[in-house]
N, C-alpha and C. Protein backbone atom coordinates (compact mmCIF):
# COMPACT_ATOMS: atom_id res chain seq x y z
N UNK A 1 59.90 91.08 113.98
CA UNK A 1 61.20 91.50 113.53
C UNK A 1 61.83 90.41 112.67
N UNK A 2 62.42 90.82 111.54
CA UNK A 2 63.02 89.85 110.63
C UNK A 2 64.47 89.61 110.99
N UNK A 3 64.90 88.38 110.80
CA UNK A 3 66.31 88.06 111.01
C UNK A 3 66.95 87.81 109.65
N UNK A 4 68.23 88.11 109.55
CA UNK A 4 68.94 87.93 108.29
C UNK A 4 70.01 86.87 108.46
N UNK A 5 70.15 86.03 107.46
CA UNK A 5 71.19 85.01 107.46
C UNK A 5 72.21 85.37 106.38
N UNK A 6 73.50 85.49 106.74
CA UNK A 6 74.49 85.83 105.72
C UNK A 6 74.71 84.66 104.77
N UNK A 7 74.85 84.97 103.50
CA UNK A 7 75.16 83.97 102.49
C UNK A 7 76.27 84.52 101.61
N UNK A 8 77.14 83.66 101.13
CA UNK A 8 78.26 84.11 100.31
C UNK A 8 78.02 83.65 98.88
N UNK A 9 78.13 84.57 97.93
CA UNK A 9 77.95 84.26 96.53
C UNK A 9 79.28 84.51 95.83
N UNK A 10 79.73 83.56 95.02
CA UNK A 10 80.97 83.74 94.27
C UNK A 10 80.64 83.75 92.80
N UNK A 11 81.10 84.78 92.09
CA UNK A 11 80.86 84.88 90.66
C UNK A 11 81.89 84.05 89.91
N UNK A 12 81.74 83.95 88.60
CA UNK A 12 82.63 83.14 87.77
C UNK A 12 84.08 83.60 87.82
N UNK A 13 84.32 84.88 88.03
CA UNK A 13 85.69 85.38 88.03
C UNK A 13 86.32 85.34 89.41
N UNK A 14 85.70 84.70 90.36
CA UNK A 14 86.29 84.51 91.68
C UNK A 14 86.03 85.63 92.66
N UNK A 15 85.26 86.64 92.29
CA UNK A 15 84.95 87.73 93.20
C UNK A 15 83.78 87.30 94.07
N UNK A 16 83.97 87.38 95.37
CA UNK A 16 82.89 86.96 96.27
C UNK A 16 82.16 88.18 96.79
N UNK A 17 80.88 88.06 96.85
CA UNK A 17 80.03 89.14 97.34
C UNK A 17 79.30 88.65 98.58
N UNK A 18 79.30 89.47 99.61
CA UNK A 18 78.54 89.15 100.81
C UNK A 18 77.11 89.63 100.57
N UNK A 19 76.17 88.72 100.61
CA UNK A 19 74.78 89.14 100.46
C UNK A 19 73.99 88.63 101.66
N UNK A 20 72.88 89.23 101.88
CA UNK A 20 72.03 88.84 102.99
C UNK A 20 70.68 88.40 102.45
N UNK A 21 70.12 87.37 103.04
CA UNK A 21 68.79 86.94 102.67
C UNK A 21 67.91 87.09 103.90
N UNK A 22 66.78 87.71 103.71
CA UNK A 22 65.86 87.88 104.82
C UNK A 22 65.15 86.55 105.08
N UNK A 23 64.44 86.49 106.19
CA UNK A 23 63.75 85.25 106.55
C UNK A 23 62.67 84.89 105.53
N UNK A 24 62.24 85.86 104.71
CA UNK A 24 61.23 85.59 103.69
C UNK A 24 61.86 85.12 102.39
N UNK A 25 63.19 84.99 102.35
CA UNK A 25 63.86 84.49 101.15
C UNK A 25 64.19 85.57 100.14
N UNK A 26 63.93 86.82 100.47
CA UNK A 26 64.22 87.92 99.55
C UNK A 26 65.68 88.33 99.70
N UNK A 27 66.31 88.65 98.58
CA UNK A 27 67.71 89.10 98.63
C UNK A 27 67.77 90.56 99.02
N UNK A 28 68.77 90.88 99.82
CA UNK A 28 69.04 92.25 100.21
C UNK A 28 70.33 92.65 99.51
N UNK A 29 70.47 93.92 99.16
CA UNK A 29 71.66 94.38 98.45
C UNK A 29 72.93 94.04 99.22
N UNK A 30 74.01 93.62 98.51
CA UNK A 30 75.27 93.32 99.20
C UNK A 30 75.88 94.59 99.78
N UNK A 31 76.64 94.41 100.85
CA UNK A 31 77.29 95.56 101.47
C UNK A 31 78.53 95.94 100.67
N UNK A 32 78.93 97.19 100.80
CA UNK A 32 80.11 97.67 100.09
C UNK A 32 81.22 98.02 101.06
N UNK A 33 81.20 97.42 102.25
CA UNK A 33 82.21 97.71 103.27
C UNK A 33 83.62 97.35 102.82
N UNK A 34 83.76 96.27 102.07
CA UNK A 34 85.09 95.78 101.69
C UNK A 34 85.46 96.15 100.27
N UNK A 35 84.71 97.02 99.63
CA UNK A 35 84.98 97.41 98.25
C UNK A 35 85.90 98.62 98.23
N UNK A 36 86.96 98.54 97.42
CA UNK A 36 87.87 99.67 97.27
C UNK A 36 87.33 100.56 96.16
N UNK A 37 87.06 101.82 96.46
CA UNK A 37 86.52 102.70 95.42
C UNK A 37 87.56 102.99 94.35
N UNK A 38 87.12 103.15 93.13
CA UNK A 38 88.01 103.48 92.01
C UNK A 38 87.73 104.91 91.60
N UNK A 39 88.78 105.71 91.54
CA UNK A 39 88.60 107.09 91.09
C UNK A 39 88.20 107.07 89.63
N UNK A 40 87.45 108.08 89.23
CA UNK A 40 86.97 108.16 87.85
C UNK A 40 88.09 108.21 86.83
N UNK A 41 89.20 108.88 87.17
CA UNK A 41 90.32 108.99 86.23
C UNK A 41 90.98 107.65 85.96
N UNK A 42 90.87 106.71 86.89
CA UNK A 42 91.52 105.41 86.71
C UNK A 42 90.85 104.60 85.61
N UNK A 43 89.63 104.91 85.30
CA UNK A 43 88.92 104.18 84.26
C UNK A 43 88.87 104.93 82.94
N UNK A 44 89.29 106.18 82.94
CA UNK A 44 89.24 106.98 81.73
C UNK A 44 90.52 106.77 80.93
N UNK A 45 90.37 106.17 79.74
CA UNK A 45 91.51 105.93 78.87
C UNK A 45 91.45 106.87 77.68
N UNK A 46 92.61 107.38 77.29
CA UNK A 46 92.70 108.23 76.11
C UNK A 46 93.74 107.64 75.16
N UNK A 47 93.60 107.94 73.87
CA UNK A 47 94.56 107.40 72.91
C UNK A 47 95.79 108.29 72.83
N UNK A 48 96.72 107.94 71.96
CA UNK A 48 98.01 108.63 71.86
C UNK A 48 97.84 110.11 71.53
N UNK A 49 96.98 110.43 70.59
CA UNK A 49 96.79 111.84 70.19
C UNK A 49 96.13 112.65 71.31
N UNK A 50 95.15 112.08 71.98
CA UNK A 50 94.50 112.78 73.08
C UNK A 50 95.48 112.99 74.23
N UNK A 51 96.30 111.98 74.53
CA UNK A 51 97.30 112.11 75.59
C UNK A 51 98.31 113.19 75.23
N UNK A 52 98.72 113.23 73.98
CA UNK A 52 99.67 114.25 73.54
C UNK A 52 99.06 115.64 73.68
N UNK A 53 97.79 115.78 73.38
CA UNK A 53 97.11 117.07 73.56
C UNK A 53 97.07 117.47 75.03
N UNK A 54 96.80 116.52 75.91
CA UNK A 54 96.78 116.80 77.34
C UNK A 54 98.15 117.27 77.82
N UNK A 55 99.20 116.61 77.32
CA UNK A 55 100.57 116.95 77.73
C UNK A 55 101.13 118.16 77.00
N UNK A 56 100.48 118.55 75.91
CA UNK A 56 100.95 119.71 75.16
C UNK A 56 102.14 119.42 74.27
N UNK A 57 102.24 118.18 73.78
CA UNK A 57 103.33 117.81 72.88
C UNK A 57 102.74 117.17 71.63
N UNK A 58 103.56 117.00 70.62
CA UNK A 58 103.15 116.33 69.39
C UNK A 58 102.98 114.84 69.69
N UNK A 59 102.03 114.20 69.01
CA UNK A 59 101.81 112.78 69.26
C UNK A 59 103.01 111.93 68.86
N UNK A 60 103.80 112.38 67.89
CA UNK A 60 105.00 111.66 67.51
C UNK A 60 106.07 111.76 68.60
N UNK A 61 106.11 112.89 69.30
CA UNK A 61 107.03 113.03 70.43
C UNK A 61 106.67 112.04 71.52
N UNK A 62 105.38 111.92 71.82
CA UNK A 62 104.92 110.97 72.82
C UNK A 62 105.25 109.54 72.41
N UNK A 63 105.09 109.25 71.14
CA UNK A 63 105.43 107.91 70.61
C UNK A 63 106.93 107.65 70.78
N UNK A 64 107.75 108.65 70.51
CA UNK A 64 109.20 108.54 70.67
C UNK A 64 109.55 108.32 72.15
N UNK A 65 108.95 109.09 73.05
CA UNK A 65 109.18 108.93 74.48
C UNK A 65 108.82 107.51 74.93
N UNK A 66 107.73 106.97 74.38
CA UNK A 66 107.31 105.62 74.77
C UNK A 66 108.35 104.59 74.35
N UNK A 67 108.94 104.76 73.17
CA UNK A 67 109.93 103.78 72.70
C UNK A 67 111.26 103.90 73.45
N UNK A 68 111.53 105.07 74.05
CA UNK A 68 112.77 105.26 74.81
C UNK A 68 112.57 105.13 76.31
N UNK A 69 111.33 104.90 76.75
CA UNK A 69 111.05 104.71 78.17
C UNK A 69 110.87 105.99 78.95
N UNK A 70 110.66 107.12 78.27
CA UNK A 70 110.50 108.41 78.95
C UNK A 70 109.04 108.82 79.10
N UNK A 71 108.12 108.05 78.56
CA UNK A 71 106.71 108.45 78.54
C UNK A 71 106.02 108.10 79.84
N UNK A 72 104.82 108.63 80.03
CA UNK A 72 103.99 108.19 81.16
C UNK A 72 103.63 106.71 81.01
N UNK A 73 103.20 106.10 82.10
CA UNK A 73 102.74 104.71 82.02
C UNK A 73 101.59 104.62 81.04
N UNK A 74 101.50 103.50 80.36
CA UNK A 74 100.43 103.31 79.38
C UNK A 74 99.87 101.91 79.49
N UNK A 75 98.72 101.72 78.86
CA UNK A 75 98.04 100.44 78.83
C UNK A 75 97.99 99.99 77.39
N UNK A 76 98.33 98.73 77.16
CA UNK A 76 98.25 98.19 75.82
C UNK A 76 97.04 97.27 75.74
N UNK A 77 96.06 97.67 74.95
CA UNK A 77 94.84 96.89 74.76
C UNK A 77 94.93 96.33 73.35
N UNK A 78 95.21 95.02 73.28
CA UNK A 78 95.54 94.37 72.02
C UNK A 78 96.72 95.10 71.39
N UNK A 79 96.52 95.76 70.27
CA UNK A 79 97.62 96.51 69.65
C UNK A 79 97.49 98.01 69.85
N UNK A 80 96.49 98.43 70.60
CA UNK A 80 96.22 99.85 70.80
C UNK A 80 96.88 100.35 72.10
N UNK A 81 97.48 101.51 72.02
CA UNK A 81 98.09 102.14 73.19
C UNK A 81 97.08 103.11 73.77
N UNK A 82 96.85 103.01 75.07
CA UNK A 82 95.94 103.90 75.78
C UNK A 82 96.64 104.39 77.05
N UNK A 83 96.29 105.60 77.46
CA UNK A 83 96.84 106.20 78.68
C UNK A 83 95.70 106.46 79.65
N UNK A 84 95.92 106.14 80.93
CA UNK A 84 94.97 106.53 81.96
C UNK A 84 95.19 108.01 82.26
N UNK A 85 94.12 108.74 82.43
CA UNK A 85 94.23 110.16 82.75
C UNK A 85 94.96 110.34 84.08
N UNK A 86 94.73 109.43 85.03
CA UNK A 86 95.42 109.52 86.32
C UNK A 86 96.93 109.33 86.16
N UNK A 87 97.36 108.46 85.24
CA UNK A 87 98.79 108.27 84.99
C UNK A 87 99.41 109.50 84.34
N UNK A 88 98.66 110.16 83.46
CA UNK A 88 99.16 111.39 82.83
C UNK A 88 99.34 112.48 83.88
N UNK A 89 98.37 112.60 84.79
CA UNK A 89 98.48 113.59 85.86
C UNK A 89 99.67 113.30 86.77
N UNK A 90 99.85 112.03 87.11
CA UNK A 90 100.97 111.65 87.98
C UNK A 90 102.30 111.91 87.29
N UNK A 91 102.39 111.62 86.00
CA UNK A 91 103.63 111.85 85.26
C UNK A 91 103.94 113.34 85.19
N UNK A 92 102.92 114.14 84.93
CA UNK A 92 103.12 115.60 84.90
C UNK A 92 103.59 116.11 86.26
N UNK A 93 103.02 115.59 87.32
CA UNK A 93 103.42 116.00 88.67
C UNK A 93 104.87 115.63 88.94
N UNK A 94 105.29 114.46 88.44
CA UNK A 94 106.68 114.02 88.64
C UNK A 94 107.66 114.87 87.83
N UNK A 95 107.20 115.55 86.80
CA UNK A 95 108.06 116.38 85.96
C UNK A 95 108.21 117.80 86.52
N UNK A 96 107.49 118.12 87.57
CA UNK A 96 107.51 119.46 88.14
C UNK A 96 108.84 119.72 88.83
N UNK A 97 109.44 120.88 88.50
CA UNK A 97 110.74 121.28 89.07
C UNK A 97 110.64 122.68 89.65
N UNK A 98 111.50 122.98 90.60
CA UNK A 98 111.56 124.31 91.20
C UNK A 98 112.52 125.24 90.46
N UNK A 99 113.57 124.66 89.90
CA UNK A 99 114.54 125.47 89.15
C UNK A 99 115.22 124.57 88.11
N UNK A 100 115.93 125.17 87.19
CA UNK A 100 116.50 124.43 86.06
C UNK A 100 117.62 123.48 86.46
N UNK A 101 118.27 123.71 87.57
CA UNK A 101 119.37 122.85 88.00
C UNK A 101 118.93 121.64 88.80
N UNK A 102 117.64 121.52 89.06
CA UNK A 102 117.14 120.40 89.87
C UNK A 102 117.21 119.09 89.08
N UNK A 103 117.69 118.05 89.75
CA UNK A 103 117.82 116.73 89.11
C UNK A 103 116.49 115.99 89.19
N UNK A 104 116.19 115.24 88.14
CA UNK A 104 114.93 114.51 88.08
C UNK A 104 114.83 113.42 89.08
């Protein structure tokens, strides 16, 4: 029966991975017990025109909303504006009303 000795590996960006080495010196895959899963929408970025299409508005309207603080959350990558699909969904959900007199 083989025994495993835990070893800790730290990458350049400070993320530590728990890995196991068998008694023969072979590496075993690190465990994912402490990893927080990321939903697919959190990594999907769309540009201003694509976001406007998703929301059903003109891209200039979305640009105006962004300058007045009414738009969904966005990510600025250098000089480019990108929207996470998950943020667009959350913003749309927050805009849902039951009747016209309901306050935001």
